[in-house]
Amino acid sequence: MSGNEHKQQKLNVKYADPSLKLDKAQLEFMKLIEEQNLERVQKLKRLRRNNLITAGALITSVVGIYAYSILSVKQEKFLDDFEEPRKVAN
């Protein structure tokens, strides 16, 4: 037996015999697990969507606050008319 055949034989041991049929309890268990997995996937998709919506809202508000603060500082003109105080002579 060559090394490649020996590896192939080892791999086949890991898999079930395809000629064997599953009984009713095993099929029902597989359906139950599949339904639970589908529910889990749907919850994860919903959670991901909600997280993306929250992240979008936070980013939008941060950019809005930043833009507003830049514009409001840009519009400040109280320092443009600033005059140095006169020195008082004694």
N, C-alpha and C. Protein backbone atom coordinates (compact mmCIF):
# COMPACT_ATOMS: atom_id res chain seq x y z
N MET A 1 0.85 -1.17 0.00
CA MET A 1 0.00 0.00 0.00
C MET A 1 0.90 1.23 0.00
N SER A 2 0.72 2.13 -0.97
CA SER A 2 1.56 3.32 -1.03
C SER A 2 1.06 4.35 -0.02
N GLY A 3 1.85 5.40 0.17
CA GLY A 3 1.51 6.43 1.15
C GLY A 3 0.23 7.17 0.80
N ASN A 4 0.00 7.40 -0.49
CA ASN A 4 -1.19 8.13 -0.93
C ASN A 4 -2.45 7.32 -0.65
N GLU A 5 -2.40 6.00 -0.91
CA GLU A 5 -3.56 5.15 -0.65
C GLU A 5 -3.85 5.09 0.85
N HIS A 6 -2.80 5.08 1.65
CA HIS A 6 -2.97 5.03 3.10
C HIS A 6 -3.67 6.30 3.59
N LYS A 7 -3.26 7.46 3.04
CA LYS A 7 -3.92 8.72 3.42
C LYS A 7 -5.38 8.72 2.99
N GLN A 8 -5.65 8.21 1.79
CA GLN A 8 -7.02 8.16 1.28
C GLN A 8 -7.88 7.27 2.19
N GLN A 9 -7.31 6.16 2.63
CA GLN A 9 -8.05 5.26 3.50
C GLN A 9 -8.34 5.94 4.84
N LYS A 10 -7.39 6.70 5.37
CA LYS A 10 -7.61 7.41 6.62
C LYS A 10 -8.72 8.45 6.46
N LEU A 11 -8.74 9.15 5.33
CA LEU A 11 -9.76 10.17 5.11
C LEU A 11 -11.15 9.56 5.03
N ASN A 12 -11.27 8.42 4.40
CA ASN A 12 -12.58 7.79 4.26
C ASN A 12 -13.15 7.34 5.60
N VAL A 13 -12.31 7.11 6.57
CA VAL A 13 -12.78 6.68 7.88
C VAL A 13 -13.57 7.80 8.56
N LYS A 14 -13.24 9.05 8.23
CA LYS A 14 -13.88 10.18 8.89
C LYS A 14 -15.33 10.38 8.44
N TYR A 15 -15.69 9.90 7.28
CA TYR A 15 -17.02 10.15 6.73
C TYR A 15 -17.93 8.95 6.97
N ALA A 16 -19.21 9.24 7.08
CA ALA A 16 -20.19 8.17 7.30
C ALA A 16 -20.40 7.38 6.02
N ASP A 17 -20.87 6.19 6.18
CA ASP A 17 -21.14 5.33 5.04
C ASP A 17 -22.39 5.86 4.32
N PRO A 18 -22.29 6.22 3.03
CA PRO A 18 -23.44 6.79 2.33
C PRO A 18 -24.57 5.80 2.10
N SER A 19 -24.29 4.52 2.22
CA SER A 19 -25.35 3.54 1.99
C SER A 19 -26.30 3.44 3.19
N LEU A 20 -25.88 3.94 4.36
CA LEU A 20 -26.75 3.91 5.54
C LEU A 20 -27.77 5.04 5.47
N LYS A 21 -29.01 4.73 5.80
CA LYS A 21 -30.08 5.73 5.79
C LYS A 21 -30.24 6.30 7.20
N LEU A 22 -30.62 7.58 7.26
CA LEU A 22 -30.88 8.21 8.56
C LEU A 22 -32.28 7.86 9.02
N ASP A 23 -32.43 7.65 10.31
CA ASP A 23 -33.77 7.36 10.81
C ASP A 23 -34.53 8.66 11.05
N LYS A 24 -35.81 8.53 11.40
CA LYS A 24 -36.71 9.68 11.52
C LYS A 24 -36.24 10.66 12.60
N ALA A 25 -35.76 10.16 13.72
CA ALA A 25 -35.31 11.02 14.82
C ALA A 25 -34.11 11.87 14.39
N GLN A 26 -33.20 11.27 13.64
CA GLN A 26 -32.03 12.02 13.18
C GLN A 26 -32.43 13.11 12.19
N LEU A 27 -33.37 12.80 11.30
CA LEU A 27 -33.85 13.80 10.34
C LEU A 27 -34.55 14.96 11.05
N GLU A 28 -35.38 14.64 12.05
CA GLU A 28 -36.07 15.69 12.81
C GLU A 28 -35.07 16.55 13.57
N PHE A 29 -34.05 15.92 14.12
CA PHE A 29 -33.02 16.67 14.84
C PHE A 29 -32.26 17.60 13.88
N MET A 30 -31.98 17.10 12.68
CA MET A 30 -31.30 17.94 11.68
C MET A 30 -32.17 19.14 11.30
N LYS A 31 -33.47 18.92 11.14
CA LYS A 31 -34.38 20.02 10.81
C LYS A 31 -34.44 21.04 11.94
N LEU A 32 -34.46 20.54 13.19
CA LEU A 32 -34.49 21.43 14.35
C LEU A 32 -33.22 22.28 14.41
N ILE A 33 -32.08 21.67 14.21
CA ILE A 33 -30.81 22.40 14.22
C ILE A 33 -30.77 23.41 13.08
N GLU A 34 -31.27 23.02 11.91
CA GLU A 34 -31.28 23.93 10.77
C GLU A 34 -32.17 25.15 11.04
N GLU A 35 -33.34 24.93 11.66
CA GLU A 35 -34.23 26.04 12.01
C GLU A 35 -33.58 26.96 13.04
N GLN A 36 -32.93 26.38 14.04
CA GLN A 36 -32.25 27.19 15.05
C GLN A 36 -31.12 28.00 14.43
N ASN A 37 -30.40 27.40 13.50
CA ASN A 37 -29.32 28.11 12.83
C ASN A 37 -29.87 29.25 11.97
N LEU A 38 -30.99 29.01 11.30
CA LEU A 38 -31.62 30.06 10.49
C LEU A 38 -32.06 31.23 11.37
N GLU A 39 -32.64 30.93 12.53
CA GLU A 39 -33.04 31.99 13.47
C GLU A 39 -31.82 32.77 13.95
N ARG A 40 -30.74 32.06 14.24
CA ARG A 40 -29.51 32.72 14.69
C ARG A 40 -28.95 33.64 13.61
N VAL A 41 -28.97 33.17 12.38
CA VAL A 41 -28.48 33.99 11.27
C VAL A 41 -29.34 35.23 11.10
N GLN A 42 -30.66 35.08 11.21
CA GLN A 42 -31.55 36.24 11.07
C GLN A 42 -31.33 37.24 12.19
N LYS A 43 -31.11 36.76 13.42
CA LYS A 43 -30.82 37.67 14.54
C LYS A 43 -29.52 38.41 14.31
N LEU A 44 -28.51 37.70 13.80
CA LEU A 44 -27.22 38.35 13.54
C LEU A 44 -27.33 39.39 12.43
N LYS A 45 -28.12 39.09 11.40
CA LYS A 45 -28.32 40.07 10.32
C LYS A 45 -29.03 41.31 10.85
N ARG A 46 -30.06 41.10 11.69
CA ARG A 46 -30.79 42.22 12.28
C ARG A 46 -29.86 43.04 13.17
N LEU A 47 -29.04 42.36 13.96
CA LEU A 47 -28.10 43.05 14.84
C LEU A 47 -27.08 43.85 14.04
N ARG A 48 -26.57 43.27 12.97
CA ARG A 48 -25.61 43.97 12.12
C ARG A 48 -26.25 45.21 11.48
N ARG A 49 -27.50 45.05 10.99
CA ARG A 49 -28.19 46.19 10.38
C ARG A 49 -28.40 47.30 11.40
N ASN A 50 -28.83 46.94 12.61
CA ASN A 50 -29.05 47.95 13.65
C ASN A 50 -27.74 48.63 14.04
N ASN A 51 -26.66 47.86 14.10
CA ASN A 51 -25.36 48.46 14.42
C ASN A 51 -24.91 49.42 13.33
N LEU A 52 -25.15 49.07 12.06
CA LEU A 52 -24.77 49.97 10.97
C LEU A 52 -25.61 51.24 10.99
N ILE A 53 -26.89 51.12 11.31
CA ILE A 53 -27.75 52.30 11.41
C ILE A 53 -27.28 53.21 12.54
N THR A 54 -26.95 52.61 13.68
CA THR A 54 -26.46 53.39 14.82
C THR A 54 -25.14 54.07 14.49
N ALA A 55 -24.24 53.34 13.84
CA ALA A 55 -22.94 53.93 13.46
C ALA A 55 -23.15 55.08 12.48
N GLY A 56 -24.05 54.91 11.53
CA GLY A 56 -24.33 55.98 10.57
C GLY A 56 -24.89 57.22 11.25
N ALA A 57 -25.80 57.01 12.20
CA ALA A 57 -26.37 58.15 12.93
C ALA A 57 -25.30 58.87 13.75
N LEU A 58 -24.44 58.11 14.41
CA LEU A 58 -23.38 58.73 15.21
C LEU A 58 -22.39 59.49 14.34
N ILE A 59 -21.99 58.90 13.23
CA ILE A 59 -21.04 59.57 12.33
C ILE A 59 -21.66 60.84 11.77
N THR A 60 -22.93 60.76 11.37
CA THR A 60 -23.61 61.94 10.83
C THR A 60 -23.69 63.05 11.87
N SER A 61 -24.02 62.70 13.10
CA SER A 61 -24.12 63.74 14.13
C SER A 61 -22.75 64.33 14.46
N VAL A 62 -21.71 63.52 14.50
CA VAL A 62 -20.37 64.04 14.78
C VAL A 62 -19.91 64.97 13.66
N VAL A 63 -20.12 64.57 12.42
CA VAL A 63 -19.73 65.43 11.29
C VAL A 63 -20.55 66.72 11.30
N GLY A 64 -21.83 66.63 11.64
CA GLY A 64 -22.67 67.82 11.71
C GLY A 64 -22.21 68.78 12.79
N ILE A 65 -21.90 68.25 13.96
CA ILE A 65 -21.41 69.10 15.05
C ILE A 65 -20.08 69.74 14.67
N TYR A 66 -19.20 68.96 14.06
CA TYR A 66 -17.90 69.49 13.65
C TYR A 66 -18.07 70.60 12.61
N ALA A 67 -18.91 70.36 11.61
CA ALA A 67 -19.14 71.37 10.57
C ALA A 67 -19.77 72.63 11.16
N TYR A 68 -20.74 72.47 12.05
CA TYR A 68 -21.38 73.62 12.67
C TYR A 68 -20.37 74.42 13.48
N SER A 69 -19.51 73.74 14.24
CA SER A 69 -18.54 74.47 15.06
C SER A 69 -17.52 75.19 14.18
N ILE A 70 -17.10 74.59 13.08
CA ILE A 70 -16.17 75.26 12.17
C ILE A 70 -16.83 76.48 11.56
N LEU A 71 -18.07 76.34 11.12
CA LEU A 71 -18.77 77.48 10.51
C LEU A 71 -19.03 78.58 11.52
N SER A 72 -19.38 78.23 12.74
CA SER A 72 -19.67 79.26 13.73
C SER A 72 -18.40 80.00 14.15
N VAL A 73 -17.29 79.32 14.24
CA VAL A 73 -16.03 80.00 14.57
C VAL A 73 -15.60 80.88 13.41
N LYS A 74 -15.85 80.42 12.20
CA LYS A 74 -15.49 81.18 11.01
C LYS A 74 -16.29 82.49 10.94
N GLN A 75 -17.50 82.48 11.45
CA GLN A 75 -18.37 83.65 11.36
C GLN A 75 -18.18 84.62 12.51
N GLU A 76 -17.37 84.27 13.46
CA GLU A 76 -17.17 85.17 14.59
C GLU A 76 -16.40 86.41 14.13
N LYS A 77 -16.94 87.56 14.45
CA LYS A 77 -16.32 88.81 14.02
C LYS A 77 -16.01 89.72 15.19
N PHE A 78 -16.18 89.25 16.40
CA PHE A 78 -15.96 90.13 17.54
C PHE A 78 -14.49 90.48 17.70
N LEU A 79 -13.58 89.66 17.18
CA LEU A 79 -12.16 89.99 17.29
C LEU A 79 -11.70 90.91 16.16
N ASP A 80 -12.50 91.03 15.10
CA ASP A 80 -12.12 91.91 13.99
C ASP A 80 -12.13 93.37 14.41
N ASP A 81 -13.04 93.77 15.27
CA ASP A 81 -13.17 95.16 15.70
C ASP A 81 -12.43 95.42 17.00
N PHE A 82 -11.54 94.54 17.34
CA PHE A 82 -10.84 94.66 18.62
C PHE A 82 -9.83 95.81 18.56
N GLU A 83 -9.94 96.71 19.51
CA GLU A 83 -8.98 97.81 19.61
C GLU A 83 -8.18 97.62 20.88
N GLU A 84 -6.91 97.95 20.79
CA GLU A 84 -6.06 97.84 21.98
C GLU A 84 -6.51 98.89 22.99
N PRO A 85 -6.51 98.54 24.25
CA PRO A 85 -6.89 99.54 25.26
C PRO A 85 -5.87 100.67 25.31
N ARG A 86 -6.38 101.86 25.56
CA ARG A 86 -5.49 103.02 25.63
C ARG A 86 -4.70 102.98 26.91
N LYS A 87 -3.48 103.39 26.80
CA LYS A 87 -2.64 103.43 27.99
C LYS A 87 -2.96 104.69 28.77
N VAL A 88 -3.05 104.53 30.05
CA VAL A 88 -3.36 105.66 30.92
C VAL A 88 -2.05 106.30 31.34
N ALA A 89 -1.95 107.58 31.10
CA ALA A 89 -0.73 108.29 31.48
C ALA A 89 -0.92 108.89 32.86
N ASN A 90 0.06 108.79 33.69
CA ASN A 90 -0.02 109.38 35.03
C ASN A 90 0.54 110.74 35.06
